[in-house]
PDB file of all heavy atoms in Angstrom:
ATOM      1  N   SER A   1     -13.789   7.271-183.629  1.00  0.00           N
ATOM      2  CA  SER A   1     -14.643   8.187-182.890  1.00  0.00           C
ATOM      3  C   SER A   1     -14.205   9.614-183.173  1.00  0.00           C
ATOM      4  O   SER A   1     -13.031   9.878-183.434  1.00  0.00           O
ATOM      5  CB  SER A   1     -14.611   7.905-181.389  1.00  0.00           C
ATOM      6  OG  SER A   1     -13.308   8.067-180.862  1.00  0.00           O
ATOM      7  N   GLY A   2     -15.166  10.523-183.124  1.00  0.00           N
ATOM      8  CA  GLY A   2     -14.891  11.921-183.377  1.00  0.00           C
ATOM      9  C   GLY A   2     -16.125  12.627-183.898  1.00  0.00           C
ATOM     10  O   GLY A   2     -17.200  12.034-183.979  1.00  0.00           O
ATOM     11  N   PRO A   3     -15.986  13.884-184.278  1.00  0.00           N
ATOM     12  CA  PRO A   3     -17.150  14.663-184.712  1.00  0.00           C
ATOM     13  C   PRO A   3     -17.652  14.223-186.078  1.00  0.00           C
ATOM     14  O   PRO A   3     -16.872  13.832-186.950  1.00  0.00           O
ATOM     15  CB  PRO A   3     -16.610  16.093-184.757  1.00  0.00           C
ATOM     16  CG  PRO A   3     -15.156  15.919-185.064  1.00  0.00           C
ATOM     17  CD  PRO A   3     -14.747  14.673-184.320  1.00  0.00           C
ATOM     18  N   GLY A   4     -18.954  14.301-186.260  1.00  0.00           N
ATOM     19  CA  GLY A   4     -19.533  14.016-187.558  1.00  0.00           C
ATOM     20  C   GLY A   4     -19.636  15.239-188.451  1.00  0.00           C
ATOM     21  O   GLY A   4     -19.844  15.111-189.661  1.00  0.00           O
ATOM     22  N   LEU A   5     -19.482  16.417-187.864  1.00  0.00           N
ATOM     23  CA  LEU A   5     -19.611  17.665-188.607  1.00  0.00           C
ATOM     24  C   LEU A   5     -18.446  18.579-188.248  1.00  0.00           C
ATOM     25  O   LEU A   5     -18.153  18.789-187.066  1.00  0.00           O
ATOM     26  CB  LEU A   5     -20.940  18.345-188.281  1.00  0.00           C
ATOM     27  CG  LEU A   5     -21.259  19.647-189.025  1.00  0.00           C
ATOM     28  CD1 LEU A   5     -21.411  19.384-190.515  1.00  0.00           C
ATOM     29  CD2 LEU A   5     -22.533  20.271-188.465  1.00  0.00           C
ATOM     30  N   VAL A   6     -17.791  19.111-189.266  1.00  0.00           N
ATOM     31  CA  VAL A   6     -16.669  20.025-189.093  1.00  0.00           C
ATOM     32  C   VAL A   6     -16.898  21.241-189.982  1.00  0.00           C
ATOM     33  O   VAL A   6     -17.340  21.106-191.122  1.00  0.00           O
ATOM     34  CB  VAL A   6     -15.325  19.359-189.454  1.00  0.00           C
ATOM     35  CG1 VAL A   6     -14.172  20.339-189.272  1.00  0.00           C
ATOM     36  CG2 VAL A   6     -15.098  18.122-188.597  1.00  0.00           C
ATOM     37  N   LYS A   7     -16.576  22.409-189.470  1.00  0.00           N
ATOM     38  CA  LYS A   7     -16.735  23.629-190.255  1.00  0.00           C
ATOM     39  C   LYS A   7     -15.527  23.859-191.156  1.00  0.00           C
ATOM     40  O   LYS A   7     -14.403  23.477-190.812  1.00  0.00           O
ATOM     41  CB  LYS A   7     -16.927  24.823-189.323  1.00  0.00           C
ATOM     42  CG  LYS A   7     -18.214  24.770-188.520  1.00  0.00           C
ATOM     43  CD  LYS A   7     -18.347  25.984-187.622  1.00  0.00           C
ATOM     44  CE  LYS A   7     -19.645  25.937-186.844  1.00  0.00           C
ATOM     45  NZ  LYS A   7     -19.797  27.092-185.944  1.00  0.00           N
ATOM     46  N   PRO A   8     -15.732  24.469-192.315  1.00  0.00           N
ATOM     47  CA  PRO A   8     -14.606  24.778-193.198  1.00  0.00           C
ATOM     48  C   PRO A   8     -13.528  25.576-192.478  1.00  0.00           C
ATOM     49  O   PRO A   8     -13.837  26.449-191.663  1.00  0.00           O
ATOM     50  CB  PRO A   8     -15.241  25.598-194.317  1.00  0.00           C
ATOM     51  CG  PRO A   8     -16.660  25.143-194.348  1.00  0.00           C
ATOM     52  CD  PRO A   8     -17.026  24.865-192.911  1.00  0.00           C
ATOM     53  N   SER A   9     -12.286  25.260-192.794  1.00  0.00           N
ATOM     54  CA  SER A   9     -11.064  25.838-192.231  1.00  0.00           C
ATOM     55  C   SER A   9     -10.665  25.226-190.893  1.00  0.00           C
ATOM     56  O   SER A   9      -9.532  25.428-190.450  1.00  0.00           O
ATOM     57  CB  SER A   9     -11.127  27.357-192.102  1.00  0.00           C
ATOM     58  OG  SER A   9     -11.798  27.755-190.924  1.00  0.00           O
ATOM     59  N   GLN A  10     -11.549  24.491-190.264  1.00  0.00           N
ATOM     60  CA  GLN A  10     -11.220  23.906-188.970  1.00  0.00           C
ATOM     61  C   GLN A  10     -10.488  22.581-189.137  1.00  0.00           C
ATOM     62  O   GLN A  10     -10.339  22.061-190.241  1.00  0.00           O
ATOM     63  CB  GLN A  10     -12.483  23.733-188.118  1.00  0.00           C
ATOM     64  CG  GLN A  10     -13.134  25.054-187.764  1.00  0.00           C
ATOM     65  CD  GLN A  10     -14.070  24.988-186.584  1.00  0.00           C
ATOM     66  OE1 GLN A  10     -14.247  25.967-185.866  1.00  0.00           O
ATOM     67  NE2 GLN A  10     -14.683  23.838-186.353  1.00  0.00           N
ATOM     68  N   THR A  11     -10.007  22.044-188.033  1.00  0.00           N
ATOM     69  CA  THR A  11      -9.234  20.817-188.027  1.00  0.00           C
ATOM     70  C   THR A  11     -10.082  19.647-187.554  1.00  0.00           C
ATOM     71  O   THR A  11     -10.775  19.743-186.535  1.00  0.00           O
ATOM     72  CB  THR A  11      -8.006  20.956-187.109  1.00  0.00           C
ATOM     73  OG1 THR A  11      -7.133  21.959-187.618  1.00  0.00           O
ATOM     74  CG2 THR A  11      -7.243  19.636-187.008  1.00  0.00           C
ATOM     75  N   LEU A  12     -10.004  18.559-188.304  1.00  0.00           N
ATOM     76  CA  LEU A  12     -10.660  17.319-187.919  1.00  0.00           C
ATOM     77  C   LEU A  12      -9.758  16.535-186.988  1.00  0.00           C
ATOM     78  O   LEU A  12      -8.563  16.408-187.246  1.00  0.00           O
ATOM     79  CB  LEU A  12     -10.969  16.482-189.159  1.00  0.00           C
ATOM     80  CG  LEU A  12     -11.465  15.052-188.925  1.00  0.00           C
ATOM     81  CD1 LEU A  12     -12.849  15.055-188.284  1.00  0.00           C
ATOM     82  CD2 LEU A  12     -11.462  14.275-190.234  1.00  0.00           C
ATOM     83  N   SER A  13     -10.317  16.001-185.930  1.00  0.00           N
ATOM     84  CA  SER A  13      -9.591  15.109-185.046  1.00  0.00           C
ATOM     85  C   SER A  13     -10.411  13.847-184.840  1.00  0.00           C
ATOM     86  O   SER A  13     -11.529  13.906-184.324  1.00  0.00           O
ATOM     87  CB  SER A  13      -9.298  15.785-183.704  1.00  0.00           C
ATOM     88  OG  SER A  13      -8.533  14.938-182.862  1.00  0.00           O
ATOM     89  N   LEU A  14      -9.858  12.719-185.275  1.00  0.00           N
ATOM     90  CA  LEU A  14     -10.503  11.420-185.116  1.00  0.00           C
ATOM     91  C   LEU A  14      -9.578  10.492-184.343  1.00  0.00           C
ATOM     92  O   LEU A  14      -8.358  10.527-184.525  1.00  0.00           O
ATOM     93  CB  LEU A  14     -10.817  10.784-186.469  1.00  0.00           C
ATOM     94  CG  LEU A  14     -11.843  11.470-187.365  1.00  0.00           C
ATOM     95  CD1 LEU A  14     -11.924  10.741-188.697  1.00  0.00           C
ATOM     96  CD2 LEU A  14     -13.206  11.519-186.687  1.00  0.00           C
ATOM     97  N   THR A  15     -10.156   9.657-183.523  1.00  0.00           N
ATOM     98  CA  THR A  15      -9.398   8.696-182.739  1.00  0.00           C
ATOM     99  C   THR A  15      -9.824   7.287-183.108  1.00  0.00           C
ATOM    100  O   THR A  15     -11.013   7.015-183.272  1.00  0.00           O
ATOM    101  CB  THR A  15      -9.616   8.932-181.235  1.00  0.00           C
ATOM    102  OG1 THR A  15      -9.085  10.210-180.878  1.00  0.00           O
ATOM    103  CG2 THR A  15      -8.907   7.865-180.406  1.00  0.00           C
ATOM    104  N   CYS A  16      -8.851   6.409-183.250  1.00  0.00           N
ATOM    105  CA  CYS A  16      -9.098   4.988-183.470  1.00  0.00           C
ATOM    106  C   CYS A  16      -8.684   4.233-182.226  1.00  0.00           C
ATOM    107  O   CYS A  16      -7.508   4.275-181.832  1.00  0.00           O
ATOM    108  CB  CYS A  16      -8.324   4.481-184.681  1.00  0.00           C
ATOM    109  SG  CYS A  16      -8.659   2.750-185.087  1.00  0.00           S
ATOM    110  N   THR A  17      -9.629   3.557-181.623  1.00  0.00           N
ATOM    111  CA  THR A  17      -9.362   2.746-180.446  1.00  0.00           C
ATOM    112  C   THR A  17      -9.228   1.291-180.859  1.00  0.00           C
ATOM    113  O   THR A  17     -10.115   0.744-181.520  1.00  0.00           O
ATOM    114  CB  THR A  17     -10.475   2.903-179.408  1.00  0.00           C
ATOM    115  OG1 THR A  17     -10.567   4.276-179.007  1.00  0.00           O
ATOM    116  CG2 THR A  17     -10.185   2.058-178.173  1.00  0.00           C
ATOM    117  N   VAL A  18      -8.119   0.676-180.485  1.00  0.00           N
ATOM    118  CA  VAL A  18      -7.814  -0.696-180.868  1.00  0.00           C
ATOM    119  C   VAL A  18      -7.972  -1.595-179.656  1.00  0.00           C
ATOM    120  O   VAL A  18      -7.439  -1.298-178.580  1.00  0.00           O
ATOM    121  CB  VAL A  18      -6.390  -0.815-181.426  1.00  0.00           C
ATOM    122  CG1 VAL A  18      -6.070  -2.265-181.791  1.00  0.00           C
ATOM    123  CG2 VAL A  18      -6.216   0.099-182.629  1.00  0.00           C
ATOM    124  N   SER A  19      -8.686  -2.685-179.831  1.00  0.00           N
ATOM    125  CA  SER A  19      -8.833  -3.691-178.786  1.00  0.00           C
ATOM    126  C   SER A  19      -8.446  -5.054-179.339  1.00  0.00           C
ATOM    127  O   SER A  19      -8.523  -5.297-180.541  1.00  0.00           O
ATOM    128  CB  SER A  19     -10.260  -3.715-178.236  1.00  0.00           C
ATOM    129  OG  SER A  19     -11.194  -4.027-179.254  1.00  0.00           O
ATOM    130  N   GLY A  20      -8.024  -5.944-178.462  1.00  0.00           N
ATOM    131  CA  GLY A  20      -7.644  -7.279-178.878  1.00  0.00           C
ATOM    132  C   GLY A  20      -6.241  -7.395-179.452  1.00  0.00           C
ATOM    133  O   GLY A  20      -5.848  -8.466-179.922  1.00  0.00           O
ATOM    134  N   GLY A  21      -5.492  -6.330-179.438  1.00  0.00           N
ATOM    135  CA  GLY A  21      -4.129  -6.309-179.945  1.00  0.00           C
ATOM    136  C   GLY A  21      -3.494  -4.971-179.652  1.00  0.00           C
ATOM    137  O   GLY A  21      -4.192  -3.972-179.503  1.00  0.00           O
ATOM    138  N   SER A  22      -2.184  -4.940-179.605  1.00  0.00           N
ATOM    139  CA  SER A  22      -1.450  -3.727-179.265  1.00  0.00           C
ATOM    140  C   SER A  22      -0.973  -3.002-180.509  1.00  0.00           C
ATOM    141  O   SER A  22      -0.482  -3.631-181.456  1.00  0.00           O
ATOM    142  CB  SER A  22      -0.252  -4.072-178.381  1.00  0.00           C
ATOM    143  OG  SER A  22       0.550  -2.930-178.154  1.00  0.00           O
ATOM    144  N   ILE A  23      -1.062  -1.687-180.506  1.00  0.00           N
ATOM    145  CA  ILE A  23      -0.572  -0.900-181.634  1.00  0.00           C
ATOM    146  C   ILE A  23       0.948  -0.864-181.690  1.00  0.00           C
ATOM    147  O   ILE A  23       1.513  -0.369-182.671  1.00  0.00           O
ATOM    148  CB  ILE A  23      -1.137   0.539-181.622  1.00  0.00           C
ATOM    149  CG1 ILE A  23      -0.722   1.285-180.347  1.00  0.00           C
ATOM    150  CG2 ILE A  23      -2.654   0.513-181.777  1.00  0.00           C
ATOM    151  CD1 ILE A  23      -1.111   2.757-180.370  1.00  0.00           C
ATOM    152  N   THR A  24       1.606  -1.394-180.685  1.00  0.00           N
ATOM    153  CA  THR A  24       3.058  -1.470-180.695  1.00  0.00           C
ATOM    154  C   THR A  24       3.586  -2.845-181.094  1.00  0.00           C
ATOM    155  O   THR A  24       4.799  -3.052-181.105  1.00  0.00           O
ATOM    156  CB  THR A  24       3.644  -1.085-179.325  1.00  0.00           C
ATOM    157  OG1 THR A  24       3.209  -2.015-178.330  1.00  0.00           O
ATOM    158  CG2 THR A  24       3.207   0.321-178.935  1.00  0.00           C
ATOM    159  N   THR A  25       2.711  -3.771-181.419  1.00  0.00           N
ATOM    160  CA  THR A  25       3.146  -5.101-181.825  1.00  0.00           C
ATOM    161  C   THR A  25       3.972  -5.045-183.104  1.00  0.00           C
ATOM    162  O   THR A  25       3.607  -4.376-184.070  1.00  0.00           O
ATOM    163  CB  THR A  25       1.942  -6.033-182.032  1.00  0.00           C
ATOM    164  OG1 THR A  25       1.273  -6.218-180.781  1.00  0.00           O
ATOM    165  CG2 THR A  25       2.388  -7.402-182.538  1.00  0.00           C
TER     166      THR A  25
END
């Protein structure tokens, strides 16, 4: 999830949401 459009020089921030398992496994 995150923005579909980013302007030049700016920072992209995307998040990945995990279900059905832990990212600390």
